Amino acid sequence: MSKVLDCGGHAIKIPNIVKSEGAHLFDDRGKRYLDLESGVWCMSLGHNHSRINQTIKDQIDSITHTGFCYSSSIVEEAAETVLDIANFKDGKCVFLSSGSEAIELARQATRHLAGKGATLSLHDGYFGSFSSTINRENGWCLFDWSDCRDCRERDNCNVACEKLKSIPGDISEFLFEPGSASGFVRFPTASMVQNLVAAVRDRGGKIIANEVTTGMGRTGKWFGHNHHQIDPDIIAIGKGVGNGYPVSVVAMNRQTAREVENSSFKYMQSHQNDPLAAAVANAVIKTLMDEDLISRAETLGGKFSRELEKLVDGKIVTRVRARGMMFAIEFSGSDVSDRLYEALLENGYIVCNRNGLFRIDPPLTIDEGEFLGFVEKFRELLALVAA
């Protein structure tokens, strides 16, 4: 019997992975799997990346952890790198260990500055595993945009919309998740998001972009909010910025950082601004730059999306949604998706299966032929299911 507490809600399908390389995993029997989930959507550069491995080894030989009253120059260097891609000139960063922590710090800071008010968010957003974001009965204003997806004005959202006019006046921040939608991969229109941002700005609130999942090139741009042409005050970054190492970042623009520093706000954790975490984040971002992986995600993601859309038949596969290297495949029911999931796993393909939907987030480095091979195997298995 396993001594590891299983409280994540997911069954362990492959009990002993012993090796990894690029987009592939290998179990103790030598079977190879194509990891189309990138772990938990974290392996932006793929598994066992030599540059990231070497960065970790080198930093371990120097210094891994610092206290509250001393630091290391790599932390400052990494902060400059993050602020550069965030377009936050003269902004500031905090390095943490998980996306949940990044969201928590960002929200605590904005609520401290506001002193009162609710958090506005889309109703289907996911903001981490902390109770402060899971329990939304108090202190939250949830904007239900489920009807907006089929609205005739969806691409030209109007401020006169009754939904927009119903937003209360006491909003301290808009916490925006630009596309993950709690794992269901739904993309609100730019006009709707821009109107929500304007409404919060009019109320004196801040804009927080939750880029834990959609950042680091996942959507074909550095950040998911880049598709909406908005300028957040704070960006929460995680998952892909560590390529499997537990690091997250909160980046603030200049004005917000000044307000926080000039207030009585305090936030302290044991592994805050650790040199090892900062070194990894710095190396991951520079690798994404050097290998031009953001542009690759946009180009190949478009090609992969078109191939997946050819599988839509209206009977078994009902819809494909995609942006960059983030894909969702909807099925007519969970019974079908469950059977396909098991068949794909048997054939060496790992995807995320939940409630009649596949979520696919491959490493940005995935070989084009490997992904197209997955599409062909998927097509073959679909034919068997339909027979």
Protein backbone atom coordinates (compact mmCIF):
# COMPACT_ATOMS: atom_id res chain seq x y z
CA MET A 1 0.00 0.00 0.00
CA SER A 2 1.32 3.43 -0.94
CA LYS A 3 2.45 5.71 1.88
CA VAL A 4 1.84 8.78 -0.30
CA LEU A 5 -1.40 10.59 0.46
CA ASP A 6 -3.45 10.87 -2.73
CA CYS A 7 -5.58 13.99 -2.32
CA GLY A 8 -5.31 15.46 -5.82
CA GLY A 9 -8.35 13.70 -7.25
CA HIS A 10 -6.44 11.98 -10.07
CA ALA A 11 -5.74 8.26 -10.33
CA ILE A 12 -2.09 7.25 -10.78
CA LYS A 13 -2.05 5.60 -14.20
CA ILE A 14 1.71 5.08 -14.52
CA PRO A 15 3.18 4.25 -11.10
CA ASN A 16 6.89 4.40 -11.86
CA ILE A 17 8.35 6.84 -14.37
CA VAL A 18 12.13 6.41 -14.28
CA LYS A 19 13.42 8.59 -17.10
CA SER A 20 12.46 11.64 -19.13
CA GLU A 21 13.75 13.36 -22.24
CA GLY A 22 12.16 16.23 -24.15
CA ALA A 23 8.47 15.49 -24.58
CA HIS A 24 8.88 11.84 -23.57
CA LEU A 25 8.59 9.83 -20.36
CA PHE A 26 9.78 6.25 -19.80
CA ASP A 27 8.44 3.81 -17.22
CA ASP A 28 10.32 1.05 -15.41
CA ARG A 29 9.39 -1.44 -18.13
CA GLY A 30 10.90 0.71 -20.86
CA LYS A 31 7.61 1.90 -22.32
CA ARG A 32 7.79 5.38 -23.84
CA TYR A 33 5.03 7.97 -23.50
CA LEU A 34 4.53 11.29 -25.28
CA ASP A 35 3.71 13.77 -22.52
CA LEU A 36 1.08 16.07 -24.03
CA GLU A 37 0.31 17.60 -20.62
CA SER A 38 3.84 18.86 -19.95
CA GLY A 39 3.58 17.39 -16.47
CA VAL A 40 1.05 19.72 -14.87
CA TRP A 41 1.46 22.16 -17.81
CA CYS A 42 4.86 23.10 -16.39
CA MET A 43 7.46 21.72 -18.80
CA SER A 44 7.60 24.58 -21.28
CA LEU A 45 11.05 23.48 -22.48
CA GLY A 46 10.42 19.76 -22.12
CA HIS A 47 11.77 17.27 -19.61
CA ASN A 48 15.44 17.00 -18.67
CA HIS A 49 16.48 20.17 -20.48
CA SER A 50 20.28 20.36 -20.44
CA ARG A 51 20.55 24.14 -19.97
CA ILE A 52 18.11 24.19 -17.05
CA ASN A 53 19.75 21.14 -15.49
CA GLN A 54 23.15 22.81 -15.69
CA THR A 55 21.76 26.04 -14.23
CA ILE A 56 20.45 24.11 -11.23
CA LYS A 57 23.74 22.26 -10.73
CA ASP A 58 25.79 25.45 -10.96
CA GLN A 59 23.53 27.38 -8.59
CA ILE A 60 23.51 24.55 -6.03
CA ASP A 61 27.30 24.77 -5.97
CA SER A 62 27.01 28.50 -5.19
CA ILE A 63 24.00 29.30 -2.96
CA THR A 64 20.45 27.96 -2.97
CA HIS A 65 18.67 29.79 -0.17
CA THR A 66 19.00 33.14 1.57
CA GLY A 67 17.47 34.73 4.64
CA PHE A 68 15.31 37.82 4.98
CA CYS A 69 18.26 40.20 5.48
CA TYR A 70 20.67 39.07 2.74
CA SER A 71 20.33 38.24 -0.95
CA SER A 72 22.27 37.26 -4.09
CA SER A 73 22.81 39.09 -7.38
CA ILE A 74 21.07 36.36 -9.41
CA VAL A 75 17.76 37.40 -7.84
CA GLU A 76 18.19 40.95 -9.13
CA GLU A 77 19.23 39.65 -12.56
CA ALA A 78 16.19 37.38 -12.78
CA ALA A 79 13.88 40.20 -11.72
CA GLU A 80 15.19 42.37 -14.56
CA THR A 81 14.59 39.52 -17.01
CA VAL A 82 11.00 39.04 -15.83
CA LEU A 83 10.21 42.75 -15.88
CA ASP A 84 11.56 43.00 -19.41
CA ILE A 85 9.11 40.45 -20.85
CA ALA A 86 6.31 41.89 -18.69
CA ASN A 87 7.00 45.35 -20.12
CA PHE A 88 7.15 46.73 -16.57
CA LYS A 89 9.93 49.30 -16.81
CA ASP A 90 11.12 50.16 -13.29
CA GLY A 91 8.69 47.64 -11.81
CA LYS A 92 9.52 45.06 -9.14
CA CYS A 93 9.27 41.30 -8.60
CA VAL A 94 8.88 38.75 -5.84
CA PHE A 95 9.93 35.12 -6.40
CA LEU A 96 7.91 32.40 -4.67
CA SER A 97 7.36 28.66 -5.07
CA SER A 98 3.92 28.09 -6.62
CA GLY A 99 1.21 29.75 -8.66
CA SER A 100 -1.19 29.62 -5.72
CA GLU A 101 1.27 31.64 -3.64
CA ALA A 102 1.70 34.18 -6.43
CA ILE A 103 -2.05 34.75 -6.70
CA GLU A 104 -2.33 34.99 -2.92
CA LEU A 105 0.38 37.64 -2.64
CA ALA A 106 -1.01 39.66 -5.56
CA ARG A 107 -4.52 39.67 -4.16
CA GLN A 108 -3.36 40.45 -0.62
CA ALA A 109 -1.39 43.43 -1.94
CA THR A 110 -4.25 44.93 -3.96
CA ARG A 111 -6.76 44.44 -1.18
CA HIS A 112 -4.36 46.03 1.29
CA LEU A 113 -3.99 49.07 -0.97
CA ALA A 114 -7.74 49.38 -1.55
CA GLY A 115 -8.68 48.84 2.08
CA LYS A 116 -12.07 47.50 1.02
CA GLY A 117 -13.96 46.17 -1.97
CA ALA A 118 -14.56 42.87 -3.72
CA THR A 119 -12.50 40.88 -6.20
CA LEU A 120 -14.02 40.80 -9.67
CA SER A 121 -13.31 37.65 -11.70
CA LEU A 122 -14.84 35.61 -14.47
CA HIS A 123 -17.09 32.95 -12.98
CA ASP A 124 -15.03 30.02 -14.32
CA GLY A 125 -11.56 31.23 -13.35
CA TYR A 126 -9.18 29.13 -11.28
CA PHE A 127 -6.85 30.90 -8.88
CA GLY A 128 -5.05 28.22 -6.94
CA SER A 129 -5.51 25.83 -4.06
CA PHE A 130 -5.72 28.30 -1.16
CA SER A 131 -9.04 28.64 0.65
CA SER A 132 -8.97 32.40 0.08
CA THR A 133 -9.56 31.83 -3.64
CA ILE A 134 -11.53 28.58 -3.55
CA ASN A 135 -14.23 29.93 -1.23
CA ARG A 136 -15.84 32.81 -3.12
CA GLU A 137 -19.00 33.33 -1.12
CA ASN A 138 -17.75 36.57 0.43
CA GLY A 139 -15.56 39.31 -1.01
CA TRP A 140 -16.02 38.24 -4.61
CA CYS A 141 -18.02 39.47 -7.60
CA LEU A 142 -18.24 36.67 -10.18
CA PHE A 143 -18.93 37.83 -13.73
CA ASP A 144 -20.90 35.04 -15.42
CA TRP A 145 -19.93 35.22 -19.06
CA SER A 146 -21.39 31.85 -20.10
CA ASP A 147 -24.04 33.63 -22.22
CA CYS A 148 -21.40 35.92 -23.73
CA ARG A 149 -19.83 33.09 -25.71
CA ASP A 150 -22.91 32.89 -27.95
CA CYS A 151 -23.83 36.59 -27.87
CA ARG A 152 -24.31 38.24 -31.27
CA GLU A 153 -22.19 41.14 -30.03
CA ARG A 154 -19.45 38.96 -28.57
CA ASP A 155 -16.76 40.48 -30.80
CA ASN A 156 -18.01 44.02 -30.23
CA CYS A 157 -18.91 43.98 -26.55
CA ASN A 158 -20.73 47.17 -25.58
CA VAL A 159 -20.41 49.03 -22.29
CA ALA A 160 -24.20 49.40 -22.34
CA CYS A 161 -24.57 45.64 -21.77
CA GLU A 162 -26.67 44.94 -18.68
CA LYS A 163 -24.08 42.45 -17.42
CA LEU A 164 -21.39 45.12 -17.44
CA LYS A 165 -23.67 47.70 -15.86
CA SER A 166 -24.42 45.29 -13.01
CA ILE A 167 -20.82 45.36 -11.72
CA PRO A 168 -20.92 46.96 -8.25
CA GLY A 169 -18.95 50.06 -7.36
CA ASP A 170 -16.78 48.61 -4.59
CA ILE A 171 -14.27 46.56 -6.63
CA SER A 172 -10.67 46.46 -5.42
CA GLU A 173 -9.24 44.39 -8.29
CA PHE A 174 -10.04 42.39 -11.41
CA LEU A 175 -8.35 38.99 -11.13
CA PHE A 176 -8.25 37.81 -14.73
CA GLU A 177 -7.36 34.34 -15.98
CA PRO A 178 -6.92 34.76 -19.76
CA GLY A 179 -7.93 31.42 -21.20
CA SER A 180 -7.47 28.47 -18.89
CA ALA A 181 -11.01 28.70 -17.45
CA SER A 182 -10.35 26.15 -14.70
CA GLY A 183 -8.85 23.79 -17.26
CA PHE A 184 -11.63 24.02 -19.86
CA VAL A 185 -9.70 26.38 -22.16
CA ARG A 186 -12.22 29.10 -22.93
CA PHE A 187 -11.13 32.44 -24.34
CA PRO A 188 -13.16 35.59 -23.58
CA THR A 189 -13.15 38.21 -26.30
CA ALA A 190 -10.77 41.14 -26.13
CA SER A 191 -13.63 43.66 -26.19
CA MET A 192 -15.35 42.06 -23.18
CA VAL A 193 -12.13 41.95 -21.17
CA GLN A 194 -11.27 45.53 -22.10
CA ASN A 195 -14.69 46.68 -20.88
CA LEU A 196 -14.23 44.82 -17.59
CA VAL A 197 -10.80 46.40 -17.18
CA ALA A 198 -12.23 49.85 -17.89
CA ALA A 199 -15.02 49.29 -15.36
CA VAL A 200 -12.52 48.36 -12.65
CA ARG A 201 -10.21 51.24 -13.53
CA ASP A 202 -13.17 53.62 -13.22
CA ARG A 203 -13.69 52.28 -9.71
CA GLY A 204 -10.04 52.81 -8.77
CA GLY A 205 -9.21 49.10 -8.78
CA LYS A 206 -6.13 47.20 -9.92
CA ILE A 207 -5.81 44.59 -12.67
CA ILE A 208 -4.14 41.26 -11.85
CA ALA A 209 -3.37 38.89 -14.73
CA ASN A 210 -3.22 35.27 -13.62
CA GLU A 211 -0.62 33.95 -16.07
CA VAL A 212 0.30 30.86 -14.08
CA THR A 213 -0.97 28.61 -16.88
CA THR A 214 -1.16 30.95 -19.87
CA GLY A 215 2.23 32.64 -19.47
CA MET A 216 5.69 31.78 -20.82
CA GLY A 217 4.58 31.47 -24.44
CA ARG A 218 1.87 28.90 -23.89
CA THR A 219 -0.63 30.89 -25.99
CA GLY A 220 1.84 31.97 -28.68
CA LYS A 221 2.63 35.24 -26.89
CA TRP A 222 4.63 35.83 -23.74
CA PHE A 223 1.38 36.20 -21.77
CA GLY A 224 -2.25 35.35 -22.37
CA HIS A 225 -3.36 38.90 -21.60
CA ASN A 226 -1.33 40.11 -24.61
CA HIS A 227 -4.15 38.77 -26.80
CA HIS A 228 -6.57 41.16 -25.08
CA GLN A 229 -4.48 44.31 -25.46
CA ILE A 230 -4.65 45.22 -21.78
CA ASP A 231 -2.01 46.50 -19.37
CA PRO A 232 -2.29 44.79 -15.98
CA ASP A 233 -0.83 46.26 -12.81
CA ILE A 234 0.32 42.88 -11.51
CA ILE A 235 1.18 39.63 -13.29
CA ALA A 236 1.23 36.28 -11.46
CA ILE A 237 3.56 33.82 -13.19
CA GLY A 238 4.14 30.13 -12.48
CA LYS A 239 4.28 26.65 -14.00
CA GLY A 240 6.25 27.13 -17.24
CA VAL A 241 8.66 29.66 -15.72
CA GLY A 242 10.28 26.86 -13.71
CA ASN A 243 10.17 24.06 -16.29
CA GLY A 244 9.39 21.60 -13.51
CA TYR A 245 11.23 23.40 -10.72
CA PRO A 246 8.85 24.97 -8.14
CA VAL A 247 9.12 28.70 -8.76
CA SER A 248 6.58 31.46 -9.33
CA VAL A 249 6.83 35.22 -9.72
CA VAL A 250 4.71 38.22 -8.88
CA ALA A 251 5.62 41.14 -11.15
CA MET A 252 4.29 44.64 -10.41
CA ASN A 253 4.40 47.75 -12.56
CA ARG A 254 6.24 50.80 -11.27
CA GLN A 255 3.21 52.58 -9.80
CA THR A 256 1.87 49.53 -7.97
CA ALA A 257 5.29 48.58 -6.60
CA ARG A 258 5.74 52.09 -5.23
CA GLU A 259 2.32 52.04 -3.60
CA VAL A 260 3.05 48.68 -1.97
CA GLU A 261 6.48 49.76 -0.74
CA ASN A 262 5.09 52.99 0.68
CA SER A 263 2.33 51.15 2.55
CA SER A 264 2.49 48.93 5.63
CA PHE A 265 2.09 45.76 3.52
CA LYS A 266 4.14 42.74 4.61
CA TYR A 267 4.41 39.27 3.07
CA MET A 268 7.09 36.78 4.16
CA GLN A 269 7.68 33.12 3.32
CA SER A 270 10.64 30.82 3.89
CA HIS A 271 11.52 30.44 0.21
CA GLN A 272 10.78 33.98 -0.92
CA ASN A 273 13.39 35.26 -3.42
CA ASP A 274 15.55 32.13 -3.19
CA PRO A 275 18.59 32.33 -5.50
CA LEU A 276 18.05 28.83 -6.88
CA ALA A 277 14.46 29.57 -7.89
CA ALA A 278 15.48 32.89 -9.42
CA ALA A 279 18.31 31.27 -11.38
CA VAL A 280 15.93 28.70 -12.86
CA ALA A 281 13.35 31.32 -13.85
CA ASN A 282 16.07 33.46 -15.41
CA ALA A 283 17.43 30.53 -17.43
CA VAL A 284 14.00 29.39 -18.61
CA ILE A 285 13.06 32.84 -19.90
CA LYS A 286 16.40 33.32 -21.63
CA THR A 287 16.08 29.89 -23.26
CA LEU A 288 12.60 30.77 -24.53
CA MET A 289 14.15 33.90 -26.03
CA ASP A 290 17.27 32.27 -27.48
CA GLU A 291 15.36 29.41 -29.11
CA ASP A 292 12.56 31.71 -30.37
CA LEU A 293 9.98 29.41 -28.78
CA ILE A 294 7.25 32.03 -28.42
CA SER A 295 7.07 32.48 -32.18
CA ARG A 296 7.31 28.71 -32.65
CA ALA A 297 4.35 28.18 -30.31
CA GLU A 298 2.26 30.58 -32.35
CA THR A 299 3.20 29.09 -35.72
CA LEU A 300 3.13 25.39 -34.85
CA GLY A 301 0.16 25.87 -32.55
CA GLY A 302 -1.84 27.20 -35.48
CA LYS A 303 -0.85 24.22 -37.61
CA PHE A 304 -1.67 21.73 -34.86
CA SER A 305 -5.01 23.42 -34.26
CA ARG A 306 -5.97 23.09 -37.92
CA GLU A 307 -5.10 19.39 -37.85
CA LEU A 308 -7.16 18.82 -34.71
CA GLU A 309 -10.12 20.69 -36.19
CA LYS A 310 -10.22 18.13 -39.01
CA LEU A 311 -11.25 15.58 -36.37
CA VAL A 312 -14.47 17.42 -35.52
CA ASP A 313 -17.40 15.36 -36.81
CA GLY A 314 -20.23 16.73 -34.67
CA LYS A 315 -20.95 13.25 -33.34
CA ILE A 316 -17.95 12.18 -31.28
CA VAL A 317 -15.69 15.24 -31.43
CA THR A 318 -17.88 18.31 -31.16
CA ARG A 319 -15.44 21.22 -30.87
CA VAL A 320 -11.78 22.19 -30.75
CA ARG A 321 -10.54 25.34 -29.03
CA ALA A 322 -6.96 26.50 -29.28
CA ARG A 323 -4.56 29.35 -28.77
CA GLY A 324 -0.88 28.80 -29.38
CA MET A 325 0.11 25.51 -27.73
CA MET A 326 -3.02 25.30 -25.59
CA PHE A 327 -5.73 22.99 -26.94
CA ALA A 328 -9.09 21.64 -25.82
CA ILE A 329 -11.04 18.88 -27.56
CA GLU A 330 -14.70 18.52 -26.60
CA PHE A 331 -16.56 15.24 -26.97
CA SER A 332 -20.20 14.29 -27.09
CA GLY A 333 -19.91 12.70 -23.65
CA SER A 334 -17.48 11.60 -20.96
CA ASP A 335 -18.04 7.92 -21.78
CA VAL A 336 -16.47 8.49 -25.19
CA SER A 337 -13.60 10.60 -23.87
CA ASP A 338 -12.87 8.04 -21.13
CA ARG A 339 -12.54 5.22 -23.67
CA LEU A 340 -10.34 7.31 -25.95
CA TYR A 341 -8.19 8.40 -23.03
CA GLU A 342 -7.47 4.81 -21.99
CA ALA A 343 -6.76 3.81 -25.58
CA LEU A 344 -4.35 6.71 -26.06
CA LEU A 345 -2.58 5.89 -22.81
CA GLU A 346 -2.20 2.28 -23.90
CA ASN A 347 -0.62 3.56 -27.12
CA GLY A 348 1.81 5.81 -25.25
CA TYR A 349 0.07 9.20 -25.28
CA ILE A 350 -0.64 11.22 -22.13
CA VAL A 351 -3.42 13.82 -22.27
CA CYS A 352 -5.60 15.46 -19.63
CA ASN A 353 -9.10 13.96 -19.54
CA ARG A 354 -11.89 15.61 -17.60
CA ASN A 355 -15.67 15.77 -17.97
CA GLY A 356 -15.86 14.95 -21.67
CA LEU A 357 -12.90 17.11 -22.64
CA PHE A 358 -9.24 16.56 -23.49
CA ARG A 359 -6.81 19.29 -22.58
CA ILE A 360 -3.51 19.24 -24.44
CA ASP A 361 -0.55 21.44 -23.47
CA PRO A 362 2.61 19.96 -24.99
CA PRO A 363 6.10 21.30 -24.35
CA LEU A 364 6.81 24.25 -26.62
CA THR A 365 9.79 22.27 -27.90
CA ILE A 366 7.76 19.26 -29.07
CA ASP A 367 8.79 17.79 -32.40
CA GLU A 368 6.27 18.59 -35.13
CA GLY A 369 6.24 15.03 -36.41
CA GLU A 370 5.60 13.64 -32.92
CA PHE A 371 2.51 15.80 -32.49
CA LEU A 372 1.19 14.99 -35.97
CA GLY A 373 1.78 11.32 -35.17
CA PHE A 374 -0.46 11.76 -32.14
CA VAL A 375 -3.15 13.29 -34.37
CA GLU A 376 -2.98 10.29 -36.70
CA LYS A 377 -3.22 7.82 -33.83
CA PHE A 378 -6.13 9.84 -32.43
CA ARG A 379 -7.88 9.64 -35.82
CA GLU A 380 -7.32 5.89 -35.94
CA LEU A 381 -8.77 5.38 -32.45
CA LEU A 382 -11.74 7.62 -33.24
CA ALA A 383 -12.61 5.35 -36.14
CA LEU A 384 -12.55 2.34 -33.83
CA VAL A 385 -14.80 4.08 -31.30
CA ALA A 386 -17.23 5.12 -34.03
CA ALA A 387 -17.41 1.61 -35.51
